[in-house]
Protein backbone atom coordinates (compact mmCIF):
# COMPACT_ATOMS: atom_id res chain seq x y z
CA UNK A 1 4.87 2.05 -11.07
CA UNK A 2 8.27 3.00 -11.24
CA UNK A 3 7.76 4.29 -14.77
CA UNK A 4 11.00 4.34 -17.44
CA UNK A 5 11.78 3.33 -20.74
CA UNK A 6 13.85 0.67 -21.75
CA UNK A 7 17.07 2.76 -22.66
CA UNK A 8 16.83 4.18 -18.65
CA UNK A 9 16.77 0.75 -17.13
CA UNK A 10 19.34 -0.43 -19.24
CA UNK A 11 21.48 2.26 -18.17
CA UNK A 12 20.81 2.13 -14.81
CA UNK A 13 21.30 -1.72 -14.55
CA UNK A 14 24.61 -1.39 -16.60
CA UNK A 15 23.13 -3.92 -19.30
CA UNK A 16 23.57 -4.52 -22.80
CA UNK A 17 20.44 -4.42 -24.22
CA UNK A 18 20.30 -7.82 -26.97
CA UNK A 19 16.89 -7.04 -28.47
CA UNK A 20 13.41 -5.39 -29.02
CA UNK A 21 13.29 -1.45 -28.51
CA UNK A 22 14.88 1.11 -25.82
CA UNK A 23 12.20 3.59 -26.33
CA UNK A 24 9.77 0.69 -24.98
CA UNK A 25 7.91 2.31 -21.67
CA UNK A 26 7.64 -0.02 -18.72
CA UNK A 27 5.53 0.70 -15.47
CA UNK A 28 5.28 -2.87 -13.60
CA UNK A 29 8.24 -5.43 -12.66
CA UNK A 30 7.98 -9.55 -12.03
CA UNK A 31 10.32 -12.08 -10.63
CA UNK A 32 7.69 -14.86 -10.96
CA UNK A 33 6.52 -15.83 -14.36
CA UNK A 34 3.30 -17.27 -11.79
CA UNK A 35 1.91 -14.19 -11.31
CA UNK A 36 3.06 -11.98 -13.88
CA UNK A 37 0.81 -9.49 -15.46
CA UNK A 38 1.05 -8.40 -19.13
CA UNK A 39 3.49 -5.64 -19.63
CA UNK A 40 5.81 -6.50 -16.51
CA UNK A 41 9.09 -6.53 -16.99
CA UNK A 42 10.44 -9.61 -15.98
CA UNK A 43 13.93 -10.32 -13.98
CA UNK A 44 15.06 -13.93 -14.47
CA UNK A 45 16.48 -14.63 -10.63
CA UNK A 46 18.55 -17.48 -10.30
CA UNK A 47 17.93 -18.80 -6.73
CA UNK A 48 18.91 -21.55 -4.91
CA UNK A 49 15.95 -24.38 -6.10
CA UNK A 50 14.78 -22.30 -9.29
CA UNK A 51 15.83 -20.41 -12.15
CA UNK A 52 14.27 -17.55 -13.56
CA UNK A 53 16.01 -18.22 -17.16
CA UNK A 54 14.20 -21.70 -17.51
CA UNK A 55 10.66 -19.31 -17.71
CA UNK A 56 11.45 -16.62 -19.62
CA UNK A 57 9.66 -17.65 -22.90
CA UNK A 58 6.71 -18.32 -20.71
CA UNK A 59 6.61 -14.61 -19.16
CA UNK A 60 6.94 -13.84 -22.67
CA UNK A 61 4.17 -15.37 -23.83
CA UNK A 62 2.19 -14.41 -20.43
CA UNK A 63 2.54 -10.72 -21.69
CA UNK A 64 5.72 -9.69 -20.32
CA UNK A 65 7.10 -6.68 -22.44
CA UNK A 66 10.70 -7.63 -21.77
CA UNK A 67 13.04 -9.56 -19.34
CA UNK A 68 16.34 -9.43 -17.95
CA UNK A 69 18.87 -11.89 -17.77
CA UNK A 70 22.42 -12.60 -17.12
CA UNK A 71 22.81 -16.18 -20.09
CA UNK A 72 22.26 -16.78 -23.11
CA UNK A 73 18.53 -17.80 -22.88
CA UNK A 74 17.06 -19.95 -26.02
CA UNK A 75 13.80 -18.29 -27.36
CA UNK A 76 11.04 -19.52 -29.95
CA UNK A 77 11.52 -17.20 -32.98
CA UNK A 78 8.29 -15.48 -32.80
CA UNK A 79 10.07 -14.20 -29.22
CA UNK A 80 13.50 -13.52 -30.42
CA UNK A 81 12.66 -9.51 -31.50
CA UNK A 82 11.42 -8.90 -27.57
CA UNK A 83 13.24 -7.03 -25.00
CA UNK A 84 15.96 -8.59 -23.60
CA UNK A 85 18.15 -7.21 -21.38
CA UNK A 86 21.52 -8.62 -20.45
CA UNK A 87 23.30 -7.85 -17.11
CA UNK A 88 26.16 -9.58 -15.01
CA UNK A 89 23.52 -10.43 -11.89
CA UNK A 90 20.09 -10.46 -12.67
CA UNK A 91 19.27 -10.41 -8.65
CA UNK A 92 21.69 -6.76 -8.60
CA UNK A 93 20.13 -5.35 -11.68
CA UNK A 94 16.69 -5.44 -9.51
CA UNK A 95 18.27 -4.07 -6.40
CA UNK A 96 20.19 -1.44 -8.67
CA UNK A 97 17.13 -0.73 -10.46
CA UNK A 98 14.89 -0.34 -6.77
CA UNK A 99 17.43 1.95 -5.06
CA UNK A 100 17.82 4.12 -8.79
CA UNK A 101 13.93 5.37 -7.82
CA UNK A 102 14.43 5.51 -4.24
CA UNK A 103 17.36 7.98 -4.76
CA UNK A 104 15.07 9.59 -7.73
CA UNK A 105 11.93 10.49 -5.40
CA UNK A 106 11.42 11.95 -2.17
CA UNK A 107 9.67 9.04 -0.48
CA UNK A 108 10.03 8.93 3.04
CA UNK A 109 11.12 5.45 3.68
CA UNK A 110 9.70 3.44 7.30
CA UNK A 111 11.47 0.25 7.84
CA UNK A 112 10.16 -2.21 9.77
CA UNK A 113 11.87 -5.29 11.38
CA UNK A 114 11.23 -7.63 14.30
CA UNK A 115 11.36 -11.33 15.21
CA UNK A 116 7.87 -11.52 14.77
CA UNK A 117 4.81 -8.76 13.74
CA UNK A 118 6.56 -7.37 11.19
CA UNK A 119 4.13 -7.85 8.22
CA UNK A 120 0.95 -7.07 10.60
CA UNK A 121 2.92 -4.16 11.80
CA UNK A 122 3.21 -2.89 8.05
CA UNK A 123 0.17 -3.44 7.20
CA UNK A 124 -1.54 -1.27 10.23
CA UNK A 125 0.74 1.30 9.71
CA UNK A 126 -0.11 0.91 5.92
CA UNK A 127 -3.86 1.16 7.00
CA UNK A 128 -3.65 4.51 9.49
CA UNK A 129 -1.58 6.40 6.91
CA UNK A 130 -3.85 6.09 3.85
CA UNK A 131 -5.99 8.89 3.62
CA UNK A 132 -3.08 11.17 4.90
CA UNK A 133 -0.56 10.49 3.07
CA UNK A 134 0.09 8.86 -0.64
CA UNK A 135 1.26 5.41 0.52
CA UNK A 136 2.77 2.58 -0.85
CA UNK A 137 4.08 -0.73 0.94
CA UNK A 138 5.67 -4.23 0.22
CA UNK A 139 3.34 -6.81 -0.91
CA UNK A 140 2.58 -9.25 1.28
CA UNK A 141 5.28 -10.69 3.09
CA UNK A 142 7.81 -9.58 0.57
CA UNK A 143 10.67 -9.01 3.28
CA UNK A 144 13.88 -9.84 1.95
CA UNK A 145 16.55 -8.97 -0.48
CA UNK A 146 13.94 -10.07 -3.64
CA UNK A 147 10.92 -8.51 -1.86
CA UNK A 148 12.08 -5.16 -0.90
CA UNK A 149 13.44 -4.18 -3.68
CA UNK A 150 10.25 -5.31 -5.94
CA UNK A 151 8.34 -3.92 -3.61
CA UNK A 152 9.66 -0.19 -3.82
CA UNK A 153 9.60 -0.35 -7.61
CA UNK A 154 5.50 -0.01 -6.98
CA UNK A 155 6.58 3.95 -6.20
CA UNK A 156 5.94 6.35 -8.30
CA UNK A 157 6.83 10.19 -8.26
CA UNK A 158 4.05 11.86 -5.84
CA UNK A 159 4.31 9.07 -3.21
CA UNK A 160 4.94 10.35 0.07
CA UNK A 161 5.77 7.29 2.13
CA UNK A 162 6.75 3.38 1.69
CA UNK A 163 6.68 1.03 4.47
CA UNK A 164 9.02 -1.35 4.04
CA UNK A 165 9.17 -4.86 5.79
CA UNK A 166 12.56 -5.85 6.47
CA UNK A 167 13.55 -9.69 7.37
CA UNK A 168 16.71 -11.19 7.93
CA UNK A 169 17.39 -14.87 8.29
CA UNK A 170 21.38 -14.67 8.64
CA UNK A 171 24.51 -12.14 9.37
CA UNK A 172 24.84 -8.97 6.79
CA UNK A 173 21.41 -8.94 5.63
CA UNK A 174 20.76 -6.07 7.58
CA UNK A 175 23.15 -3.91 5.84
CA UNK A 176 21.98 -4.82 2.43
CA UNK A 177 18.17 -4.32 2.93
CA UNK A 178 19.60 -0.82 4.19
CA UNK A 179 21.30 0.35 1.37
CA UNK A 180 18.33 -0.62 -0.83
CA UNK A 181 15.32 1.18 1.12
CA UNK A 182 17.78 3.84 2.68
CA UNK A 183 14.91 4.53 5.51
CA UNK A 184 14.18 7.65 7.65
CA UNK A 185 12.19 6.07 10.37
CA UNK A 186 13.17 2.31 11.83
CA UNK A 187 10.61 -0.04 13.42
CA UNK A 188 11.94 -2.73 15.78
CA UNK A 189 8.91 -4.64 17.05
CA UNK A 190 11.13 -6.98 19.33
CA UNK A 191 13.51 -9.22 19.50
CA UNK A 192 13.26 -12.99 20.40
CA UNK A 193 15.34 -16.20 19.76
CA UNK A 194 14.91 -17.16 16.04
CA UNK A 195 17.09 -18.26 13.20
CA UNK A 196 19.39 -19.77 15.65
CA UNK A 197 20.47 -21.94 13.27
CA UNK A 198 22.69 -18.91 11.50
CA UNK A 199 23.11 -16.60 14.76
CA UNK A 200 25.18 -17.56 17.61
CA UNK A 201 22.60 -16.04 20.45
CA UNK A 202 19.74 -13.64 20.72
CA UNK A 203 22.49 -10.47 21.25
CA UNK A 204 23.92 -11.33 18.08
CA UNK A 205 19.74 -10.93 16.12
CA UNK A 206 19.52 -7.86 18.68
CA UNK A 207 22.60 -6.61 17.61
CA UNK A 208 21.86 -7.53 13.96
CA UNK A 209 18.12 -5.78 13.88
CA UNK A 210 19.74 -2.79 15.41
CA UNK A 211 21.78 -2.37 12.56
CA UNK A 212 18.39 -0.76 11.10
CA UNK A 213 18.73 2.20 13.52
CA UNK A 214 22.25 2.95 12.44
CA UNK A 215 21.45 3.00 8.75
CA UNK A 216 18.60 5.51 9.15
CA UNK A 217 18.92 9.13 7.32
CA UNK A 218 17.37 11.95 7.28
CA UNK A 219 16.06 13.71 10.90
CA UNK A 220 16.37 9.46 12.09
CA UNK A 221 13.61 8.22 13.80
CA UNK A 222 13.59 5.05 15.62
CA UNK A 223 10.77 3.73 16.92
CA UNK A 224 11.15 0.65 19.73
CA UNK A 225 9.48 -1.48 22.05
CA UNK A 226 9.98 -0.10 25.25
CA UNK A 227 8.71 -3.18 26.92
CA UNK A 228 11.70 -5.51 25.23
CA UNK A 229 14.78 -6.35 27.03
CA UNK A 230 16.91 -6.04 24.12
CA UNK A 231 15.98 -2.35 23.25
CA UNK A 232 18.67 -0.65 25.47
CA UNK A 233 21.14 -2.67 23.93
CA UNK A 234 20.06 -1.42 20.48
CA UNK A 235 19.66 1.78 21.53
CA UNK A 236 23.07 2.11 23.43
CA UNK A 237 24.42 4.32 20.57
CA UNK A 238 21.87 5.41 18.79
CA UNK A 239 22.05 9.45 18.08
CA UNK A 240 18.04 10.74 16.83
CA UNK A 241 14.69 11.03 17.89
CA UNK A 242 13.53 7.93 19.83
CA UNK A 243 9.52 7.50 20.07
CA UNK A 244 8.79 4.27 22.78
CA UNK A 245 5.93 2.21 22.77
CA UNK A 246 4.68 -0.48 25.58
CA UNK A 247 2.57 -1.65 28.26
CA UNK A 248 4.37 -1.74 31.08
CA UNK A 249 7.32 0.55 31.09
CA UNK A 250 6.70 4.01 30.85
CA UNK A 251 6.59 4.94 26.98
CA UNK A 252 5.51 7.72 24.20
CA UNK A 253 3.18 5.63 22.98
CA UNK A 254 1.45 3.73 25.87
CA UNK A 255 -0.98 1.30 26.27
CA UNK A 256 -3.47 0.84 29.21
CA UNK A 257 -6.80 -0.27 30.51
CA UNK A 258 -6.37 -3.02 27.92
CA UNK A 259 -9.82 -5.79 27.92
CA UNK A 260 -9.88 -8.80 25.83
CA UNK A 261 -13.68 -10.02 24.38
CA UNK A 262 -12.51 -13.26 23.79
CA UNK A 263 -11.79 -13.82 19.93
CA UNK A 264 -13.64 -10.54 18.89
CA UNK A 265 -10.39 -8.52 19.63
CA UNK A 266 -10.49 -5.96 22.94
CA UNK A 267 -10.16 -2.46 23.44
CA UNK A 268 -7.40 -0.30 25.04
CA UNK A 269 -6.72 3.56 25.77
CA UNK A 270 -3.59 4.51 24.09
CA UNK A 271 -1.78 7.96 25.71
CA UNK A 272 0.40 9.64 23.80
CA UNK A 273 3.43 11.94 25.10
CA UNK A 274 1.83 11.48 28.94
CA UNK A 275 -0.79 13.84 27.48
CA UNK A 276 -3.60 13.23 24.64
CA UNK A 277 -5.81 10.05 25.07
CA UNK A 278 -8.15 8.17 22.77
CA UNK A 279 -10.22 4.93 23.53
CA UNK A 280 -9.78 2.15 20.96
CA UNK A 281 -11.01 -0.75 19.56
CA UNK A 282 -8.58 -3.50 18.00
CA UNK A 283 -10.52 -6.24 16.18
CA UNK A 284 -6.89 -8.88 17.01
CA UNK A 285 -6.54 -11.09 19.15
CA UNK A 286 -3.34 -11.18 21.63
CA UNK A 287 -1.22 -8.92 23.64
CA UNK A 288 1.39 -9.23 20.76
CA UNK A 289 -0.92 -7.77 17.75
CA UNK A 290 -1.31 -5.11 20.43
CA UNK A 291 1.86 -4.26 20.79
CA UNK A 292 2.18 -4.35 16.59
CA UNK A 293 -0.96 -1.99 16.97
CA UNK A 294 1.11 0.86 19.15
CA UNK A 295 4.24 0.45 16.80
CA UNK A 296 1.71 1.43 14.11
CA UNK A 297 0.20 4.12 15.85
CA UNK A 298 3.21 5.65 16.61
CA UNK A 299 4.48 5.85 13.04
CA UNK A 300 1.21 7.12 11.89
CA UNK A 301 1.32 10.07 15.16
CA UNK A 302 4.75 10.67 13.68
CA UNK A 303 3.58 11.52 10.61
CA UNK A 304 0.90 13.47 11.94
CA UNK A 305 -2.45 11.40 11.26
CA UNK A 306 -4.43 13.05 14.11
CA UNK A 307 -5.84 10.15 17.26
CA UNK A 308 -9.45 10.11 16.13
CA UNK A 309 -8.37 9.07 12.65
CA UNK A 310 -6.19 6.30 14.04
CA UNK A 311 -9.35 5.13 15.93
CA UNK A 312 -11.57 4.62 13.23
CA UNK A 313 -8.61 3.22 11.18
CA UNK A 314 -7.59 0.35 13.63
CA UNK A 315 -11.29 -0.31 14.33
CA UNK A 316 -11.55 -1.38 10.33
CA UNK A 317 -8.70 -2.86 10.12
CA UNK A 318 -8.95 -6.50 8.37
CA UNK A 319 -6.30 -9.68 10.29
CA UNK A 320 -4.22 -10.92 7.47
CA UNK A 321 -4.36 -14.88 6.72
CA UNK A 322 -2.16 -16.94 8.72
CA UNK A 323 -1.87 -14.78 11.48
CA UNK A 324 -3.95 -15.10 14.45
CA UNK A 325 -6.96 -15.22 11.76
CA UNK A 326 -10.44 -15.99 13.32
CA UNK A 327 -11.96 -18.93 11.51
CA UNK A 328 -15.79 -19.81 12.42
CA UNK A 329 -17.40 -22.87 11.24
CA UNK A 330 -21.08 -23.42 10.70
CA UNK A 331 -20.49 -26.80 12.53
CA UNK A 332 -20.09 -25.10 15.65
CA UNK A 333 -15.77 -25.19 16.28
CA UNK A 334 -13.37 -22.37 15.74
CA UNK A 335 -10.44 -22.16 14.93
CA UNK A 336 -7.20 -19.71 15.33
CA UNK A 337 -5.13 -19.80 12.30
CA UNK A 338 -1.79 -18.62 13.24
CA UNK A 339 -0.19 -20.95 10.74
CA UNK A 340 2.23 -18.48 9.01
CA UNK A 341 5.41 -18.88 11.46
CA UNK A 342 6.25 -20.03 14.70
CA UNK A 343 9.11 -19.56 17.37
CA UNK A 344 9.38 -19.92 20.91
CA UNK A 345 8.34 -16.58 22.01
CA UNK A 346 5.62 -16.44 19.25
CA UNK A 347 4.23 -19.81 20.59
CA UNK A 348 4.57 -18.77 24.27
CA UNK A 349 2.19 -15.22 23.21
CA UNK A 350 -0.17 -16.91 21.04
CA UNK A 351 -0.72 -19.86 24.10
CA UNK A 352 -1.16 -16.97 26.94
CA UNK A 353 -4.33 -15.51 24.60
CA UNK A 354 -5.47 -19.24 24.04
CA UNK A 355 -5.57 -20.05 27.28
CA UNK A 356 -7.39 -17.45 28.54
CA UNK A 357 -10.33 -17.69 26.18
CA UNK A 358 -13.28 -19.57 27.70
CA UNK A 359 -15.14 -22.67 25.62
CA UNK A 360 -17.69 -24.89 26.43
CA UNK A 361 -15.92 -27.05 24.08
CA UNK A 362 -12.26 -28.75 24.42
CA UNK A 363 -9.27 -26.99 23.34
CA UNK A 364 -6.92 -28.40 21.10
CA UNK A 365 -3.70 -26.77 19.94
CA UNK A 366 -2.19 -27.94 16.99
CA UNK A 367 1.89 -27.89 16.80
CA UNK A 368 4.48 -28.25 14.28
CA UNK A 369 7.97 -28.09 14.43
CA UNK A 370 9.46 -24.55 15.35
CA UNK A 371 12.94 -24.41 13.15
CA UNK A 372 15.79 -22.96 12.31
CA UNK A 373 16.73 -23.10 16.11
CA UNK A 374 20.17 -24.93 15.88
CA UNK A 375 21.54 -26.19 19.91
CA UNK A 376 18.45 -24.47 21.08
CA UNK A 377 16.05 -26.54 18.93
CA UNK A 378 14.62 -29.70 21.64
CA UNK A 379 14.81 -27.79 24.50
CA UNK A 380 12.49 -25.19 23.20
CA UNK A 381 10.21 -28.20 21.53
CA UNK A 382 10.21 -29.25 25.53
CA UNK A 383 9.32 -26.06 26.64
CA UNK A 384 6.57 -26.35 24.25
CA UNK A 385 5.60 -29.11 25.11
CA UNK A 386 5.73 -28.21 29.42
CA UNK A 387 3.76 -24.94 27.97
CA UNK A 388 0.66 -27.18 26.94
CA UNK A 389 0.52 -28.94 29.42
CA UNK A 390 -0.47 -26.86 32.07
CA UNK A 391 -2.24 -24.45 29.75
CA UNK A 392 -5.28 -25.72 30.34
CA UNK A 393 -5.55 -27.68 27.40
CA UNK A 394 -7.35 -30.62 26.33
CA UNK A 395 -5.50 -32.05 23.18
CA UNK A 396 -2.06 -31.78 22.10
CA UNK A 397 -1.16 -32.69 18.47
CA UNK A 398 2.32 -32.17 17.46
CA UNK A 399 3.56 -32.44 13.61
CA UNK A 400 6.91 -32.75 12.60
CA UNK A 401 9.99 -35.12 13.91
CA UNK A 402 11.02 -32.14 16.47
CA UNK A 403 7.53 -31.92 18.00
CA UNK A 404 7.87 -35.81 19.39
CA UNK A 405 10.01 -33.83 22.18
CA UNK A 406 7.19 -31.62 22.81
CA UNK A 407 4.24 -34.79 23.01
CA UNK A 408 7.16 -36.58 25.57
CA UNK A 409 7.30 -33.32 27.68
CA UNK A 410 3.36 -32.95 28.08
CA UNK A 411 3.26 -36.52 28.90
CA UNK A 412 5.87 -36.11 31.19
CA UNK A 413 3.62 -33.37 32.69
CA UNK A 414 0.90 -35.65 33.20
CA UNK A 415 -0.93 -34.71 30.04
CA UNK A 416 -2.99 -37.83 29.40
CA UNK A 417 -1.61 -40.12 26.93
CA UNK A 418 -4.84 -40.29 24.91
CA UNK A 419 -5.08 -36.60 24.69
CA UNK A 420 -1.66 -36.63 22.67
CA UNK A 421 -1.30 -37.44 19.10
CA UNK A 422 1.64 -37.16 16.51
CA UNK A 423 2.04 -37.05 12.72
CA UNK A 424 5.50 -36.54 10.73
CA UNK A 425 3.49 -34.00 8.64
CA UNK A 426 0.52 -32.32 7.93
CA UNK A 427 -0.62 -33.58 5.48
CA UNK A 428 -2.43 -36.43 7.99
CA UNK A 429 -3.80 -34.27 9.95
CA UNK A 430 -6.79 -32.53 8.46
CA UNK A 431 -8.23 -36.38 7.92
CA UNK A 432 -8.11 -37.28 11.35
CA UNK A 433 -9.48 -34.23 12.98
CA UNK A 434 -12.89 -34.43 10.80
CA UNK A 435 -13.61 -37.78 12.82
CA UNK A 436 -12.01 -35.76 16.28
CA UNK A 437 -13.62 -32.22 16.04
CA UNK A 438 -17.33 -31.25 18.39
CA UNK A 439 -19.70 -29.00 18.53
CA UNK A 440 -17.77 -25.78 20.87
CA UNK A 441 -14.13 -27.02 19.78
CA UNK A 442 -11.58 -24.07 20.10
CA UNK A 443 -8.60 -24.99 18.00
CA UNK A 444 -5.07 -23.47 17.82
CA UNK A 445 -2.88 -24.16 14.61
CA UNK A 446 0.60 -23.14 14.84
CA UNK A 447 4.43 -23.92 13.50
CA UNK A 448 7.01 -22.74 11.33
CA UNK A 449 6.29 -21.85 7.68
CA UNK A 450 8.02 -25.00 6.13
CA UNK A 451 5.87 -27.52 7.99
CA UNK A 452 2.67 -26.50 6.01
CA UNK A 453 0.44 -26.15 8.67
CA UNK A 454 -2.08 -24.22 6.39
CA UNK A 455 -2.72 -27.57 4.61
CA UNK A 456 -4.58 -28.00 7.49
CA UNK A 457 -6.76 -25.19 7.43
CA UNK A 458 -7.31 -25.30 3.89
CA UNK A 459 -8.55 -28.99 4.27
CA UNK A 460 -10.94 -28.05 7.26
CA UNK A 461 -12.67 -25.41 4.97
CA UNK A 462 -12.52 -27.56 2.05
CA UNK A 463 -14.61 -30.16 4.20
CA UNK A 464 -16.59 -28.09 6.64
CA UNK A 465 -18.42 -25.12 6.19
CA UNK A 466 -17.22 -21.70 7.04
CA UNK A 467 -19.68 -19.07 8.70
CA UNK A 468 -20.06 -16.09 6.61
CA UNK A 469 -19.83 -18.07 3.25
């Protein structure tokens, strides 16, 4: 972790030590009192829905070594000698401290962005680099202006590579993330119609994603998807090293001879610079995950990880929760848990893989609303209904107001009315499924994060029996 004395931290964040001891050493940091560990320095972040100042006392009682605040906070008598640093803005203090350590040490930073696949790509990169380089990463889906700096505070002086996920949901965010991370390598997984409530077009999203490459430093390495139609626009003004990956267009890291093995994953041959080849197994489902793996292989190869090592590490990669995770139940049905998020392109890709799977039972799609699509919203949900109705799906369960449009369109496409169901929220779906599911059924669950589609999966895990438990 970023080890420092409170005195150094006070200086970096331009704060004032209100109480405590400036010689106290700190090595870990938190913005959430619920997950805080003893010894952490707690940043009392004031967000749109929660104010961390309300939890300073709780954080200190849970073992925090101190707190950074930007307004007076009432504490019980026994905590008034705690290490408290007053600043103008706690969020800016978090950013300043992370940026300080980024500049202080010589770590190479890989920034990963894209409309989908960021977290999985980051996790595969991390897995492929381990053993060859001292590597750290942003934890979980920590990819915004809070999560990225917090993740960077895990760095130590001897670390060689940091893999940072850089997610944006509105204009101007990427410049701020670049200022924090100062990336040397930029990975763009894809550009799709997401967050259109805040962006005027997909082109504007592409421009914002492309800013990652503009902000690269050092050798300036861009790792891009040669099959994505927006890549040429993004690279138009880029001057630096380009490493492309893909399965259709000629690429530096090329995937070919792809063979899927149902829900077990698949095999493919990776060709590097049209010279080196290796036959690999990927224990993840879907072409979208193959693209994520190719992007990660491009990063690993740049950092001189041999293909033989890449082969072994990829074969043992463990998928991320809620991202195309396969759950098999002893009652005989199987679930594809893709509940983390959804957008029109991501839904289309997972449906492509889902409809190609074979099963002796029924195929059931549980599709939640896709949010933040602005004026595209209704048509996106109608198109989802058409894709599902014409994709060999036996039952469609829509969740949320927007998903009514998917149900309407599926019915227009002659999907039988008794195969269509709708619920206003995800909490009601689990009990309904309990009486519906049969042996050999194959279920896909997907929806935007705010729809809490994981509640459906949690219900099934609680009321049925997972294989392996």
